[in-house]
Amino acid sequence: MDMTASTIDRTSPVTGSAISTLVDAFYAKVQHDPTIGPIFNEQVEDWPAHLALLKEFWASVLLGAGTFKGNPLEKHLKLPLSREHFERWLALFAETAGELLPPEQASVFVNKSQRIAETFQRAMAARRDGFGIVPAVE
């Protein structure tokens, strides 16, 4: 991941090094996790390439690097994911961030991951329930 000084948001407590460290450690855990590991291992054919893509994603989201090209929501909409999968992903992500990063950096990652997960879950529910139209409760 090439993170030049001109692409980094200097107001963020997160660094390119923190992104790389967290992504590598977290997805090493994911691959062996009994709940979410099978889903990832079935989908990811080339882990080094996927990790590089994930590092670009996080650098774009948290640092404004603009290097990520793709549509992660669309990719995830095609997967058989449940609330349990999201909860496990978030718990493992928060655990890993807390183990590896200073609290301020970990908090930035965890907060952003929670917002992304909420967006993904809403989109999945909308697709499943006919664009998320929920009847009013009387």
C-alpha atoms as a PDB file:
ATOM      1  CA  MET A   1       0.000   0.000   0.000  1.00  0.00           C
ATOM      2  CA  ASP A   2       1.595   3.218  -1.136  1.00  0.00           C
ATOM      3  CA  MET A   3       0.548   5.991   1.192  1.00  0.00           C
ATOM      4  CA  THR A   4       2.220   9.205   0.141  1.00  0.00           C
ATOM      5  CA  ALA A   5       2.092  12.261   2.330  1.00  0.00           C
ATOM      6  CA  SER A   6      -0.227  13.995  -0.132  1.00  0.00           C
ATOM      7  CA  THR A   7      -2.932  11.321   0.215  1.00  0.00           C
ATOM      8  CA  ILE A   8      -3.071  11.099   4.004  1.00  0.00           C
ATOM      9  CA  ASP A   9      -5.639  13.040   6.029  1.00  0.00           C
ATOM     10  CA  ARG A  10      -3.393  14.641   8.628  1.00  0.00           C
ATOM     11  CA  THR A  11      -6.323  15.259  11.004  1.00  0.00           C
ATOM     12  CA  SER A  12      -6.955  11.527  11.436  1.00  0.00           C
ATOM     13  CA  PRO A  13      -5.320   9.710  14.344  1.00  0.00           C
ATOM     14  CA  VAL A  14      -5.129   6.674  12.049  1.00  0.00           C
ATOM     15  CA  THR A  15      -1.993   5.953  10.041  1.00  0.00           C
ATOM     16  CA  GLY A  16      -1.260   3.782   7.028  1.00  0.00           C
ATOM     17  CA  SER A  17       0.836   1.606   9.292  1.00  0.00           C
ATOM     18  CA  ALA A  18      -2.094   1.125  11.689  1.00  0.00           C
ATOM     19  CA  ILE A  19      -4.346   0.151   8.791  1.00  0.00           C
ATOM     20  CA  SER A  20      -1.863  -2.419   7.537  1.00  0.00           C
ATOM     21  CA  THR A  21      -1.281  -3.881  10.992  1.00  0.00           C
ATOM     22  CA  LEU A  22      -4.968  -4.139  11.818  1.00  0.00           C
ATOM     23  CA  VAL A  23      -6.048  -5.574   8.471  1.00  0.00           C
ATOM     24  CA  ASP A  24      -3.332  -8.252   8.505  1.00  0.00           C
ATOM     25  CA  ALA A  25      -3.982  -9.326  12.099  1.00  0.00           C
ATOM     26  CA  PHE A  26      -7.761  -9.175  11.878  1.00  0.00           C
ATOM     27  CA  TYR A  27      -8.081 -11.219   8.704  1.00  0.00           C
ATOM     28  CA  ALA A  28      -5.596 -13.781  10.014  1.00  0.00           C
ATOM     29  CA  LYS A  29      -8.130 -14.311  12.823  1.00  0.00           C
ATOM     30  CA  VAL A  30     -11.080 -14.247  10.413  1.00  0.00           C
ATOM     31  CA  GLN A  31      -9.653 -17.098   8.358  1.00  0.00           C
ATOM     32  CA  HIS A  32      -9.748 -19.379  11.429  1.00  0.00           C
ATOM     33  CA  ASP A  33     -12.982 -18.149  12.978  1.00  0.00           C
ATOM     34  CA  PRO A  34     -15.699 -20.846  13.042  1.00  0.00           C
ATOM     35  CA  THR A  35     -18.533 -18.361  12.414  1.00  0.00           C
ATOM     36  CA  ILE A  36     -17.232 -16.097   9.661  1.00  0.00           C
ATOM     37  CA  GLY A  37     -14.128 -17.927   8.472  1.00  0.00           C
ATOM     38  CA  PRO A  38     -15.968 -20.358   6.184  1.00  0.00           C
ATOM     39  CA  ILE A  39     -17.737 -17.513   4.358  1.00  0.00           C
ATOM     40  CA  PHE A  40     -14.524 -15.570   3.773  1.00  0.00           C
ATOM     41  CA  ASN A  41     -12.461 -18.616   2.880  1.00  0.00           C
ATOM     42  CA  GLU A  42     -15.050 -19.685   0.302  1.00  0.00           C
ATOM     43  CA  GLN A  43     -15.130 -16.231  -1.316  1.00  0.00           C
ATOM     44  CA  VAL A  44     -11.470 -15.169  -1.195  1.00  0.00           C
ATOM     45  CA  GLU A  45      -9.254 -16.927  -3.708  1.00  0.00           C
ATOM     46  CA  ASP A  46      -6.128 -14.804  -3.214  1.00  0.00           C
ATOM     47  CA  TRP A  47      -5.687 -13.594   0.364  1.00  0.00           C
ATOM     48  CA  PRO A  48      -2.664 -11.331  -0.294  1.00  0.00           C
ATOM     49  CA  ALA A  49      -4.553  -9.533  -3.075  1.00  0.00           C
ATOM     50  CA  HIS A  50      -7.687  -9.284  -0.915  1.00  0.00           C
ATOM     51  CA  LEU A  51      -5.708  -7.854   1.997  1.00  0.00           C
ATOM     52  CA  ALA A  52      -4.178  -5.237  -0.302  1.00  0.00           C
ATOM     53  CA  LEU A  53      -7.675  -4.292  -1.474  1.00  0.00           C
ATOM     54  CA  LEU A  54      -8.921  -4.052   2.113  1.00  0.00           C
ATOM     55  CA  LYS A  55      -6.004  -1.809   3.053  1.00  0.00           C
ATOM     56  CA  GLU A  56      -6.901   0.482   0.136  1.00  0.00           C
ATOM     57  CA  PHE A  57     -10.530   0.485   1.291  1.00  0.00           C
ATOM     58  CA  TRP A  58      -9.646   1.506   4.854  1.00  0.00           C
ATOM     59  CA  ALA A  59      -7.113   4.095   3.646  1.00  0.00           C
ATOM     60  CA  SER A  60      -9.783   5.625   1.423  1.00  0.00           C
ATOM     61  CA  VAL A  61     -12.432   5.585   4.150  1.00  0.00           C
ATOM     62  CA  LEU A  62     -10.295   6.862   7.020  1.00  0.00           C
ATOM     63  CA  LEU A  63      -7.541   8.823   5.345  1.00  0.00           C
ATOM     64  CA  GLY A  64      -9.188  10.034   2.159  1.00  0.00           C
ATOM     65  CA  ALA A  65      -6.517   8.268   0.113  1.00  0.00           C
ATOM     66  CA  GLY A  66      -8.870   7.713  -2.835  1.00  0.00           C
ATOM     67  CA  THR A  67      -7.029   4.565  -3.896  1.00  0.00           C
ATOM     68  CA  PHE A  68      -9.928   2.128  -3.462  1.00  0.00           C
ATOM     69  CA  LYS A  69     -11.977   1.278  -6.510  1.00  0.00           C
ATOM     70  CA  GLY A  70     -14.878  -1.049  -6.013  1.00  0.00           C
ATOM     71  CA  ASN A  71     -18.336  -1.566  -4.564  1.00  0.00           C
ATOM     72  CA  PRO A  72     -18.090  -3.501  -1.307  1.00  0.00           C
ATOM     73  CA  LEU A  73     -21.809  -3.166  -0.591  1.00  0.00           C
ATOM     74  CA  GLU A  74     -22.742  -4.873  -3.841  1.00  0.00           C
ATOM     75  CA  LYS A  75     -20.268  -7.688  -3.156  1.00  0.00           C
ATOM     76  CA  HIS A  76     -21.667  -8.267   0.324  1.00  0.00           C
ATOM     77  CA  LEU A  77     -25.291  -8.199  -0.865  1.00  0.00           C
ATOM     78  CA  LYS A  78     -24.563 -11.411  -2.783  1.00  0.00           C
ATOM     79  CA  LEU A  79     -23.386 -13.294   0.320  1.00  0.00           C
ATOM     80  CA  PRO A  80     -25.515 -15.380   2.712  1.00  0.00           C
ATOM     81  CA  LEU A  81     -24.876 -13.109   5.702  1.00  0.00           C
ATOM     82  CA  SER A  82     -26.963 -12.957   8.860  1.00  0.00           C
ATOM     83  CA  ARG A  83     -26.998 -10.698  11.889  1.00  0.00           C
ATOM     84  CA  GLU A  84     -24.826 -13.292  13.656  1.00  0.00           C
ATOM     85  CA  HIS A  85     -22.139 -12.888  10.981  1.00  0.00           C
ATOM     86  CA  PHE A  86     -22.111  -9.113  11.348  1.00  0.00           C
ATOM     87  CA  GLU A  87     -22.034  -9.335  15.141  1.00  0.00           C
ATOM     88  CA  ARG A  88     -19.107 -11.749  15.058  1.00  0.00           C
ATOM     89  CA  TRP A  89     -17.204  -9.648  12.498  1.00  0.00           C
ATOM     90  CA  LEU A  90     -17.696  -6.498  14.590  1.00  0.00           C
ATOM     91  CA  ALA A  91     -16.747  -8.194  17.862  1.00  0.00           C
ATOM     92  CA  LEU A  92     -13.600  -9.732  16.398  1.00  0.00           C
ATOM     93  CA  PHE A  93     -12.684  -6.451  14.689  1.00  0.00           C
ATOM     94  CA  ALA A  94     -13.106  -4.448  17.910  1.00  0.00           C
ATOM     95  CA  GLU A  95     -11.136  -7.058  19.860  1.00  0.00           C
ATOM     96  CA  THR A  96      -8.254  -6.961  17.370  1.00  0.00           C
ATOM     97  CA  ALA A  97      -8.213  -3.163  17.168  1.00  0.00           C
ATOM     98  CA  GLY A  98      -8.162  -2.969  20.963  1.00  0.00           C
ATOM     99  CA  GLU A  99      -5.277  -5.412  21.186  1.00  0.00           C
ATOM    100  CA  LEU A 100      -3.093  -3.713  18.583  1.00  0.00           C
ATOM    101  CA  LEU A 101      -3.823  -0.002  18.501  1.00  0.00           C
ATOM    102  CA  PRO A 102      -3.833   2.937  20.888  1.00  0.00           C
ATOM    103  CA  PRO A 103      -7.376   3.622  22.155  1.00  0.00           C
ATOM    104  CA  GLU A 104      -7.907   6.707  19.978  1.00  0.00           C
ATOM    105  CA  GLN A 105      -6.994   4.821  16.792  1.00  0.00           C
ATOM    106  CA  ALA A 106      -8.974   1.722  17.780  1.00  0.00           C
ATOM    107  CA  SER A 107     -12.031   3.884  18.451  1.00  0.00           C
ATOM    108  CA  VAL A 108     -11.888   5.445  14.983  1.00  0.00           C
ATOM    109  CA  PHE A 109     -11.762   2.016  13.337  1.00  0.00           C
ATOM    110  CA  VAL A 110     -14.471   0.499  15.516  1.00  0.00           C
ATOM    111  CA  ASN A 111     -16.871   3.418  15.118  1.00  0.00           C
ATOM    112  CA  LYS A 112     -16.448   3.432  11.352  1.00  0.00           C
ATOM    113  CA  SER A 113     -16.825  -0.355  11.125  1.00  0.00           C
ATOM    114  CA  GLN A 114     -20.099  -0.153  13.066  1.00  0.00           C
ATOM    115  CA  ARG A 115     -21.485   2.507  10.723  1.00  0.00           C
ATOM    116  CA  ILE A 116     -20.472   0.473   7.668  1.00  0.00           C
ATOM    117  CA  ALA A 117     -22.062  -2.678   9.112  1.00  0.00           C
ATOM    118  CA  GLU A 118     -25.305  -0.791   9.804  1.00  0.00           C
ATOM    119  CA  THR A 119     -25.382   0.471   6.223  1.00  0.00           C
ATOM    120  CA  PHE A 120     -24.756  -3.008   4.833  1.00  0.00           C
ATOM    121  CA  GLN A 121     -27.428  -4.582   7.054  1.00  0.00           C
ATOM    122  CA  ARG A 122     -29.996  -1.950   6.075  1.00  0.00           C
ATOM    123  CA  ALA A 123     -29.267  -2.525   2.395  1.00  0.00           C
ATOM    124  CA  MET A 124     -29.552  -6.293   2.831  1.00  0.00           C
ATOM    125  CA  ALA A 125     -32.858  -5.920   4.674  1.00  0.00           C
ATOM    126  CA  ALA A 126     -34.149  -3.559   2.007  1.00  0.00           C
ATOM    127  CA  ARG A 127     -33.283  -6.017  -0.738  1.00  0.00           C
ATOM    128  CA  ARG A 128     -34.791  -8.924   1.194  1.00  0.00           C
ATOM    129  CA  ASP A 129     -37.952  -7.070   2.284  1.00  0.00           C
ATOM    130  CA  GLY A 130     -38.804  -5.275  -0.925  1.00  0.00           C
ATOM    131  CA  PHE A 131     -36.789  -2.083  -0.595  1.00  0.00           C
ATOM    132  CA  GLY A 132     -37.187  -1.876   3.154  1.00  0.00           C
ATOM    133  CA  ILE A 133     -40.776  -0.731   3.150  1.00  0.00           C
ATOM    134  CA  VAL A 134     -42.038  -1.677   6.577  1.00  0.00           C
ATOM    135  CA  PRO A 135     -45.771  -1.462   7.298  1.00  0.00           C
ATOM    136  CA  ALA A 136     -46.746   0.929  10.065  1.00  0.00           C
ATOM    137  CA  VAL A 137     -47.544  -0.676  13.379  1.00  0.00           C
ATOM    138  CA  GLU A 138     -50.934   0.305  14.753  1.00  0.00           C
END
